[in-house]
Protein backbone atom coordinates (compact mmCIF):
# COMPACT_ATOMS: atom_id res chain seq x y z
CA MET A 1 0.00 0.00 0.00
CA ILE A 2 1.37 3.41 -1.00
CA THR A 3 0.64 5.87 1.78
CA ARG A 4 0.87 9.64 1.72
CA LYS A 5 4.12 9.42 3.69
CA ILE A 6 5.66 6.98 1.21
CA LEU A 7 4.64 9.06 -1.81
CA ALA A 8 5.94 12.24 -0.17
CA GLU A 9 9.36 10.59 0.17
CA HIS A 10 9.53 10.36 -3.64
CA VAL A 11 7.81 13.60 -4.69
CA LYS A 12 9.62 16.84 -3.92
CA VAL A 13 7.47 19.96 -3.50
CA ARG A 14 8.30 23.56 -4.33
CA PRO A 15 8.94 25.96 -1.45
CA GLY A 16 5.99 28.29 -0.90
CA VAL A 17 3.63 26.54 -3.34
CA THR A 18 0.76 25.51 -1.09
CA SER A 19 -0.95 23.29 -3.68
CA ASP A 20 1.97 20.83 -4.01
CA PRO A 21 1.47 18.96 -0.68
CA TYR A 22 -2.27 18.93 -1.38
CA VAL A 23 -1.66 17.19 -4.72
CA ILE A 24 0.26 14.41 -2.98
CA ALA A 25 -2.54 13.84 -0.48
CA GLU A 26 -5.16 13.95 -3.24
CA VAL A 27 -3.38 11.32 -5.35
CA VAL A 28 -3.25 8.82 -2.49
CA SER A 29 -6.90 9.34 -1.52
CA GLN A 30 -8.43 9.51 -5.02
CA TYR A 31 -6.64 6.82 -6.99
CA LYS A 32 -6.32 3.89 -4.58
CA GLU A 33 -9.10 1.92 -6.34
CA LEU A 34 -7.29 1.92 -9.70
CA ASN A 35 -5.83 -1.33 -11.02
CA LEU A 36 -2.30 -0.23 -11.98
CA GLN A 37 -0.13 -3.34 -11.58
CA GLY A 38 1.51 -4.23 -14.89
CA ARG A 39 -0.62 -1.77 -16.82
CA ARG A 40 0.10 1.00 -19.31
CA VAL A 41 -1.05 4.31 -17.87
CA LEU A 42 -1.85 7.67 -19.48
CA ASP A 43 -1.64 10.61 -17.05
CA LEU A 44 -3.35 13.72 -18.41
CA GLY A 45 -2.52 16.66 -16.18
CA GLY A 46 0.79 15.51 -14.76
CA ASN A 47 1.32 18.55 -12.50
CA ILE A 48 4.49 17.87 -10.43
CA GLY A 49 4.50 14.13 -11.19
CA ALA A 50 2.76 12.84 -8.06
CA PHE A 51 0.33 10.57 -9.89
CA ALA A 52 2.97 9.25 -12.32
CA VAL A 53 5.27 8.38 -9.40
CA TYR A 54 2.33 6.79 -7.57
CA ALA A 55 1.57 4.64 -10.62
CA ALA A 56 5.23 3.59 -10.87
CA LEU A 57 5.38 2.70 -7.18
CA ARG A 58 2.26 0.59 -7.64
CA GLY A 59 3.87 -1.39 -10.42
CA CYS A 60 2.65 0.05 -13.72
CA SER A 61 4.59 -1.18 -16.75
CA TYR A 62 4.60 2.27 -18.42
CA CYS A 63 3.27 5.76 -17.69
CA ALA A 64 3.03 8.55 -20.26
CA THR A 65 2.47 11.81 -18.39
CA TYR A 66 1.51 15.10 -20.07
CA GLU A 67 2.04 18.45 -18.37
CA PRO A 68 2.25 21.67 -20.45
CA GLU A 69 2.95 24.32 -17.78
CA GLN A 70 6.70 24.94 -17.65
CA ASP A 71 7.25 25.26 -13.87
CA ASN A 72 5.11 22.20 -13.19
CA PHE A 73 6.91 20.28 -15.91
CA ASP A 74 10.35 21.13 -14.53
CA GLN A 75 9.29 19.78 -11.12
CA LEU A 76 7.67 16.76 -12.76
CA LEU A 77 10.96 15.90 -14.50
CA LEU A 78 12.80 16.17 -11.20
CA ASN A 79 10.34 13.83 -9.50
CA THR A 80 9.91 11.27 -12.27
CA SER A 81 13.52 10.95 -13.50
CA PRO A 82 14.34 8.10 -11.05
CA PHE A 83 11.59 5.95 -12.61
CA PRO A 84 12.42 4.48 -16.05
CA VAL A 85 8.80 3.43 -16.68
CA ILE A 86 7.70 7.09 -16.76
CA GLU A 87 7.91 9.12 -19.99
CA ALA A 88 7.13 12.84 -19.66
CA PHE A 89 5.81 15.18 -22.35
CA ARG A 90 5.42 18.96 -22.14
CA HIS A 91 2.23 19.24 -24.19
CA ALA A 92 -1.41 20.12 -23.71
CA VAL A 93 -3.62 17.32 -25.00
CA VAL A 94 -6.51 18.61 -27.13
CA SER A 95 -9.09 17.18 -29.53
CA GLU A 96 -7.69 19.15 -32.47
CA VAL A 97 -4.33 20.91 -32.70
CA PRO A 98 -4.38 24.42 -34.24
CA LYS A 99 -2.12 25.10 -37.23
CA SER A 100 0.22 26.99 -34.92
CA GLY A 101 0.77 23.85 -32.87
CA GLU A 102 -0.02 25.81 -29.71
CA ILE A 103 -3.01 26.74 -27.55
CA SER A 104 -3.56 29.44 -24.94
CA PHE A 105 -3.36 28.60 -21.24
CA TYR A 106 -4.44 30.83 -18.38
CA LEU A 107 -2.20 30.65 -15.32
CA THR A 108 -2.90 31.32 -11.68
CA THR A 109 -0.40 33.32 -9.62
CA GLY A 110 0.70 33.56 -6.00
CA ASN A 111 0.94 30.57 -3.67
CA ASP A 112 -0.97 28.36 -6.08
CA ALA A 113 1.35 29.09 -8.99
CA GLY A 114 1.29 26.25 -11.50
CA GLY A 115 -2.48 26.05 -11.64
CA TYR A 116 -3.98 26.73 -15.04
CA SER A 117 -6.87 26.15 -17.42
CA ALA A 118 -7.40 26.18 -21.17
CA VAL A 119 -10.61 28.06 -20.38
CA PRO A 120 -10.19 31.86 -19.88
CA PHE A 121 -10.60 33.17 -16.33
CA ARG A 122 -10.56 36.84 -15.36
CA GLY A 123 -7.25 37.97 -13.90
CA ARG A 124 -5.20 35.02 -15.12
CA ILE A 125 -2.06 35.35 -17.23
CA GLU A 126 -2.30 34.03 -20.79
CA VAL A 127 0.60 31.98 -22.17
CA LYS A 128 1.07 29.75 -25.21
CA VAL A 129 1.86 26.05 -24.76
CA PRO A 130 2.60 23.25 -27.26
CA ALA A 131 -0.31 20.96 -28.07
CA VAL A 132 -0.81 17.39 -29.30
CA SER A 133 -4.01 15.62 -30.32
CA PHE A 134 -5.75 13.15 -28.04
CA GLU A 135 -6.02 10.73 -30.96
CA GLU A 136 -2.23 10.78 -31.42
CA VAL A 137 -1.62 10.36 -27.68
CA LEU A 138 -3.94 7.33 -27.54
CA ARG A 139 -2.22 5.81 -30.58
CA LEU A 140 1.24 6.17 -29.08
CA ALA A 141 0.51 5.36 -25.43
CA LYS A 142 -1.94 2.46 -25.99
CA PRO A 143 -3.11 2.90 -22.39
CA ASP A 144 -4.94 0.38 -20.23
CA VAL A 145 -5.72 3.16 -17.74
CA ILE A 146 -6.37 6.88 -18.30
CA LYS A 147 -6.38 9.50 -15.56
CA PHE A 148 -7.85 12.92 -16.40
CA ASP A 149 -7.16 16.03 -14.33
CA ILE A 150 -7.04 18.86 -16.85
CA GLU A 151 -9.20 21.62 -15.34
CA GLY A 152 -12.19 21.46 -17.67
CA GLY A 153 -10.26 20.33 -20.74
CA GLU A 154 -11.70 16.82 -20.29
CA TYR A 155 -14.90 17.84 -22.12
CA ASP A 156 -13.00 18.89 -25.23
CA LEU A 157 -11.29 15.49 -25.38
CA LEU A 158 -14.50 13.50 -24.95
CA GLU A 159 -16.34 15.58 -27.53
CA GLY A 160 -13.58 14.64 -29.99
CA ILE A 161 -14.07 10.86 -29.69
CA LYS A 162 -17.09 8.55 -29.98
CA LYS A 163 -15.69 5.85 -27.71
CA PHE A 164 -12.48 4.80 -26.01
CA PRO A 165 -10.15 2.41 -27.87
CA ALA A 166 -10.41 -1.28 -26.95
CA CYS A 167 -7.07 -1.12 -25.11
CA VAL A 168 -8.56 1.21 -22.47
CA LYS A 169 -9.88 -0.83 -19.56
CA GLU A 170 -10.31 1.85 -16.92
CA ILE A 171 -10.68 5.64 -16.71
CA ILE A 172 -10.79 8.00 -13.77
CA ALA A 173 -11.44 11.71 -14.05
CA GLU A 174 -11.57 14.83 -11.95
CA ILE A 175 -14.59 16.44 -13.58
CA HIS A 176 -14.92 20.21 -13.32
CA PHE A 177 -17.97 22.43 -12.84
CA ASN A 178 -16.29 25.79 -12.24
CA LYS A 179 -17.88 27.25 -15.37
CA LYS A 180 -21.65 27.33 -15.87
CA GLU A 181 -21.31 25.72 -19.29
CA PHE A 182 -19.57 22.70 -17.73
CA ARG A 183 -22.58 21.62 -15.67
CA GLY A 184 -24.27 18.56 -17.10
CA LYS A 185 -21.31 17.73 -19.34
CA GLU A 186 -20.23 14.92 -17.01
CA GLU A 187 -22.76 12.84 -18.97
CA LEU A 188 -20.17 12.71 -21.77
CA PHE A 189 -18.23 10.22 -19.65
CA ARG A 190 -21.28 7.98 -19.26
CA GLU A 191 -22.01 8.20 -22.98
CA ARG A 192 -18.46 7.09 -23.82
CA THR A 193 -18.53 4.21 -21.29
CA VAL A 194 -21.88 2.54 -22.00
CA GLY A 195 -21.78 -1.01 -20.65
CA TRP A 196 -18.87 -0.27 -18.28
CA GLU A 197 -19.03 -0.54 -14.50
CA GLU A 198 -19.42 2.87 -12.84
CA VAL A 199 -17.04 2.42 -9.91
CA LYS A 200 -17.57 5.96 -8.62
CA SER A 201 -20.44 8.13 -9.77
CA PRO A 202 -19.70 11.82 -10.38
CA LYS A 203 -21.91 13.99 -8.19
CA GLN A 204 -23.06 17.48 -9.11
CA THR A 205 -24.57 19.30 -6.14
CA GLY A 206 -24.85 22.74 -7.67
CA LYS A 207 -22.14 23.99 -5.34
CA ASN A 208 -19.15 21.69 -5.89
CA TRP A 209 -16.65 22.91 -8.49
CA HIS A 210 -15.31 19.43 -9.20
CA THR A 211 -16.07 15.79 -8.59
CA LEU A 212 -14.51 12.40 -9.32
CA GLY A 213 -15.79 9.80 -11.76
CA HIS A 214 -14.40 6.29 -12.22
CA TRP A 215 -15.37 3.70 -14.85
CA ARG A 216 -14.08 0.18 -15.59
CA ARG A 217 -14.84 -2.16 -18.48
CA LYS A 218 -16.78 -5.25 -17.39
């Protein structure tokens, strides 16, 4: 069993960034039900590498982790470099890549630096980040397990596919409601996983800004 203490021994946090220790705790609490042993894992929203390291410690055979924000990615490389099964990519994953090969990201500042969204928020700093298509990522990674934590970008990816490839046996997603237009879109996950077991049902209360959903092929 990988505890918070064990994971924290392998994942270094940035001084003064209050969200980093929270990410470690969140990974241990949210993803313990995943079947990771011997599996190929796709980590969308790698942040500082906590989930990728967690997957490696739990015996995954391969983990492709995607994190486009530069400061997060630098810390992710530091944390994942001791684990040969982890391959890191500094790209945003999108349904369709613009001709420029980049998309806009909107960064938070202050103690939660490193937080971002592809959706504009008032007061956030806009930067350009390299992008790759979800279709290409699925083709290359051939994942058994997909973890989504991409701050509302999950809807764009699901709208771009009709179903998950046969190789995908399990998905887990932090589903976001922090924009009015996001509410109700969690049904996209159910539509793409018809016939799967719903391990954890996403709950929308009208007040929560995110929830967790977990599905597994029967």
